[in-house]
Amino acid sequence: MEGKRIMVIDDENIVGKMIKVSFERDGYIVETFVHADPAMKRLSEEKFDLVITDLKMKDIDGMEVLKRIKKESPETKVIMITAYASMDTSIEAFREKADDFFPKPIKISDLKERVATLLGG
């Protein structure tokens, strides 16, 4: 997975840091954002292989982030994470072409396994 680019958008800084440290150990390049606006700007400048985004955030919600990414860069994989998991939100996420959906708290080992599968590892 050397050199694969991952973006994490979560308004809880600790979540981004945990994912960043964990995935960088495996050779991924990880950028984290606590706000969706700067993350979306960065996505327009740089290609990412995968975006992990929280569903509920203060500025733009994760569903809107998902829709924008799939419109502008359909090949980018998107994993939604949320502390507010419900059947309705997971159905909506998959309807909008999310590649996966994880309730919080996230098990990093499960997330790593899914990312490796999505990115062809």
C-alpha atoms as a PDB file:
ATOM      1  CA  MET A   1       0.000   0.000   0.000  1.00  0.00           C
ATOM      2  CA  GLU A   2       3.118   2.133  -0.207  1.00  0.00           C
ATOM      3  CA  GLY A   3       2.286   5.655  -1.319  1.00  0.00           C
ATOM      4  CA  LYS A   4      -1.520   5.322  -1.374  1.00  0.00           C
ATOM      5  CA  ARG A   5      -3.073   8.624  -0.328  1.00  0.00           C
ATOM      6  CA  ILE A   6      -5.768   8.760   2.361  1.00  0.00           C
ATOM      7  CA  MET A   7      -7.675  11.783   3.633  1.00  0.00           C
ATOM      8  CA  VAL A   8      -9.447  11.732   6.996  1.00  0.00           C
ATOM      9  CA  ILE A   9     -12.149  14.305   7.778  1.00  0.00           C
ATOM     10  CA  ASP A  10     -13.446  14.193  11.348  1.00  0.00           C
ATOM     11  CA  ASP A  11     -14.247  17.063  13.693  1.00  0.00           C
ATOM     12  CA  GLU A  12     -12.823  15.001  16.549  1.00  0.00           C
ATOM     13  CA  ASN A  13      -9.089  15.644  16.200  1.00  0.00           C
ATOM     14  CA  ILE A  14      -8.222  12.474  18.143  1.00  0.00           C
ATOM     15  CA  VAL A  15      -9.951  10.270  15.538  1.00  0.00           C
ATOM     16  CA  GLY A  16      -7.911  11.756  12.690  1.00  0.00           C
ATOM     17  CA  LYS A  17      -4.675  11.445  14.675  1.00  0.00           C
ATOM     18  CA  MET A  18      -5.366   7.825  15.595  1.00  0.00           C
ATOM     19  CA  ILE A  19      -6.079   6.853  11.972  1.00  0.00           C
ATOM     20  CA  LYS A  20      -3.101   8.875  10.674  1.00  0.00           C
ATOM     21  CA  VAL A  21      -0.560   7.278  13.029  1.00  0.00           C
ATOM     22  CA  SER A  22      -1.954   3.808  12.481  1.00  0.00           C
ATOM     23  CA  PHE A  23      -2.049   3.989   8.668  1.00  0.00           C
ATOM     24  CA  GLU A  24       1.261   5.822   8.223  1.00  0.00           C
ATOM     25  CA  ARG A  25       2.946   2.864   9.951  1.00  0.00           C
ATOM     26  CA  ASP A  26       1.728   0.772   7.004  1.00  0.00           C
ATOM     27  CA  GLY A  27       3.184   3.171   4.425  1.00  0.00           C
ATOM     28  CA  TYR A  28       0.087   5.178   3.548  1.00  0.00           C
ATOM     29  CA  ILE A  29       0.286   8.949   3.068  1.00  0.00           C
ATOM     30  CA  VAL A  30      -2.399  10.420   5.343  1.00  0.00           C
ATOM     31  CA  GLU A  31      -3.736  13.957   5.637  1.00  0.00           C
ATOM     32  CA  THR A  32      -6.256  14.845   8.328  1.00  0.00           C
ATOM     33  CA  PHE A  33      -8.803  17.652   8.532  1.00  0.00           C
ATOM     34  CA  VAL A  34     -11.196  18.696  11.311  1.00  0.00           C
ATOM     35  CA  HIS A  35     -13.321  20.799   8.915  1.00  0.00           C
ATOM     36  CA  ALA A  36     -14.776  19.729   5.588  1.00  0.00           C
ATOM     37  CA  ASP A  37     -14.256  23.046   3.752  1.00  0.00           C
ATOM     38  CA  PRO A  38     -10.433  22.964   3.725  1.00  0.00           C
ATOM     39  CA  ALA A  39     -10.570  19.227   3.025  1.00  0.00           C
ATOM     40  CA  MET A  40     -12.724  19.801  -0.058  1.00  0.00           C
ATOM     41  CA  LYS A  41     -10.332  22.511  -1.233  1.00  0.00           C
ATOM     42  CA  ARG A  42      -7.407  20.103  -0.798  1.00  0.00           C
ATOM     43  CA  LEU A  43      -9.276  17.419  -2.746  1.00  0.00           C
ATOM     44  CA  SER A  44      -9.595  19.805  -5.671  1.00  0.00           C
ATOM     45  CA  GLU A  45      -5.794  20.275  -5.667  1.00  0.00           C
ATOM     46  CA  GLU A  46      -4.620  16.724  -5.049  1.00  0.00           C
ATOM     47  CA  LYS A  47      -5.871  13.236  -5.881  1.00  0.00           C
ATOM     48  CA  PHE A  48      -6.572  10.915  -2.967  1.00  0.00           C
ATOM     49  CA  ASP A  49      -7.171   7.178  -3.288  1.00  0.00           C
ATOM     50  CA  LEU A  50      -9.518   7.060  -0.310  1.00  0.00           C
ATOM     51  CA  VAL A  51     -11.386   9.461   1.969  1.00  0.00           C
ATOM     52  CA  ILE A  52     -12.575   8.503   5.443  1.00  0.00           C
ATOM     53  CA  THR A  53     -15.185  11.027   6.567  1.00  0.00           C
ATOM     54  CA  ASP A  54     -17.307  11.494   9.629  1.00  0.00           C
ATOM     55  CA  LEU A  55     -21.030  11.758   8.985  1.00  0.00           C
ATOM     56  CA  LYS A  56     -21.927  14.495  11.498  1.00  0.00           C
ATOM     57  CA  MET A  57     -19.695  17.578  11.383  1.00  0.00           C
ATOM     58  CA  LYS A  58     -20.192  21.232  12.202  1.00  0.00           C
ATOM     59  CA  ASP A  59     -19.667  22.788   8.760  1.00  0.00           C
ATOM     60  CA  ILE A  60     -20.559  20.387   5.930  1.00  0.00           C
ATOM     61  CA  ASP A  61     -22.020  17.018   6.826  1.00  0.00           C
ATOM     62  CA  GLY A  62     -20.367  13.821   5.639  1.00  0.00           C
ATOM     63  CA  MET A  63     -23.181  12.958   3.252  1.00  0.00           C
ATOM     64  CA  GLU A  64     -22.550  16.210   1.366  1.00  0.00           C
ATOM     65  CA  VAL A  65     -18.795  15.452   1.349  1.00  0.00           C
ATOM     66  CA  LEU A  66     -19.568  12.007  -0.078  1.00  0.00           C
ATOM     67  CA  LYS A  67     -21.786  13.446  -2.832  1.00  0.00           C
ATOM     68  CA  ARG A  68     -19.159  16.012  -3.846  1.00  0.00           C
ATOM     69  CA  ILE A  69     -16.330  13.484  -3.949  1.00  0.00           C
ATOM     70  CA  LYS A  70     -18.309  10.982  -6.014  1.00  0.00           C
ATOM     71  CA  LYS A  71     -19.328  13.759  -8.421  1.00  0.00           C
ATOM     72  CA  GLU A  72     -15.851  15.261  -8.868  1.00  0.00           C
ATOM     73  CA  SER A  73     -13.700  12.151  -8.463  1.00  0.00           C
ATOM     74  CA  PRO A  74     -15.837   8.991  -8.829  1.00  0.00           C
ATOM     75  CA  GLU A  75     -12.818   6.660  -8.602  1.00  0.00           C
ATOM     76  CA  THR A  76     -11.966   7.913  -5.091  1.00  0.00           C
ATOM     77  CA  LYS A  77     -13.128   5.419  -2.469  1.00  0.00           C
ATOM     78  CA  VAL A  78     -15.123   6.829   0.464  1.00  0.00           C
ATOM     79  CA  ILE A  79     -15.659   5.261   3.883  1.00  0.00           C
ATOM     80  CA  MET A  80     -18.206   6.902   6.181  1.00  0.00           C
ATOM     81  CA  ILE A  81     -17.730   6.762   9.956  1.00  0.00           C
ATOM     82  CA  THR A  82     -20.243   7.887  12.553  1.00  0.00           C
ATOM     83  CA  ALA A  83     -21.217   7.748  16.184  1.00  0.00           C
ATOM     84  CA  TYR A  84     -24.829   8.099  14.965  1.00  0.00           C
ATOM     85  CA  ALA A  85     -25.142   4.890  12.999  1.00  0.00           C
ATOM     86  CA  SER A  86     -28.629   3.817  12.015  1.00  0.00           C
ATOM     87  CA  MET A  87     -30.098   1.684   9.283  1.00  0.00           C
ATOM     88  CA  ASP A  88     -31.378   4.834   7.549  1.00  0.00           C
ATOM     89  CA  THR A  89     -28.012   6.589   7.523  1.00  0.00           C
ATOM     90  CA  SER A  90     -26.179   3.516   6.284  1.00  0.00           C
ATOM     91  CA  ILE A  91     -28.748   2.985   3.497  1.00  0.00           C
ATOM     92  CA  GLU A  92     -28.452   6.642   2.465  1.00  0.00           C
ATOM     93  CA  ALA A  93     -24.633   6.418   2.483  1.00  0.00           C
ATOM     94  CA  PHE A  94     -24.644   3.345   0.234  1.00  0.00           C
ATOM     95  CA  ARG A  95     -27.276   4.931  -2.023  1.00  0.00           C
ATOM     96  CA  GLU A  96     -24.874   7.849  -2.478  1.00  0.00           C
ATOM     97  CA  LYS A  97     -22.152   5.324  -3.423  1.00  0.00           C
ATOM     98  CA  ALA A  98     -20.180   5.128  -0.172  1.00  0.00           C
ATOM     99  CA  ASP A  99     -17.747   2.229  -0.327  1.00  0.00           C
ATOM    100  CA  ASP A 100     -18.274   1.324   3.317  1.00  0.00           C
ATOM    101  CA  PHE A 101     -19.821   2.525   6.564  1.00  0.00           C
ATOM    102  CA  PHE A 102     -18.350   2.072  10.066  1.00  0.00           C
ATOM    103  CA  PRO A 103     -20.040   2.890  13.373  1.00  0.00           C
ATOM    104  CA  LYS A 104     -17.858   4.495  16.050  1.00  0.00           C
ATOM    105  CA  PRO A 105     -15.943   3.453  17.999  1.00  0.00           C
ATOM    106  CA  ILE A 106     -13.966   2.103  15.053  1.00  0.00           C
ATOM    107  CA  LYS A 107     -11.840  -0.995  15.337  1.00  0.00           C
ATOM    108  CA  ILE A 108      -8.655   0.040  13.530  1.00  0.00           C
ATOM    109  CA  SER A 109      -7.926  -3.556  12.520  1.00  0.00           C
ATOM    110  CA  ASP A 110     -11.321  -3.784  10.737  1.00  0.00           C
ATOM    111  CA  LEU A 111     -10.786  -0.401   9.085  1.00  0.00           C
ATOM    112  CA  LYS A 112      -7.285  -1.373   7.903  1.00  0.00           C
ATOM    113  CA  GLU A 113      -8.593  -4.632   6.464  1.00  0.00           C
ATOM    114  CA  ARG A 114     -11.335  -2.828   4.534  1.00  0.00           C
ATOM    115  CA  VAL A 115      -8.992  -0.091   3.268  1.00  0.00           C
ATOM    116  CA  ALA A 116      -6.528  -2.719   2.026  1.00  0.00           C
ATOM    117  CA  THR A 117      -9.349  -4.465   0.163  1.00  0.00           C
ATOM    118  CA  LEU A 118     -10.658  -1.227  -1.365  1.00  0.00           C
ATOM    119  CA  LEU A 119      -7.208  -0.108  -2.467  1.00  0.00           C
ATOM    120  CA  GLY A 120      -6.258  -3.457  -3.929  1.00  0.00           C
ATOM    121  CA  GLY A 121      -3.934  -4.622  -1.181  1.00  0.00           C
END
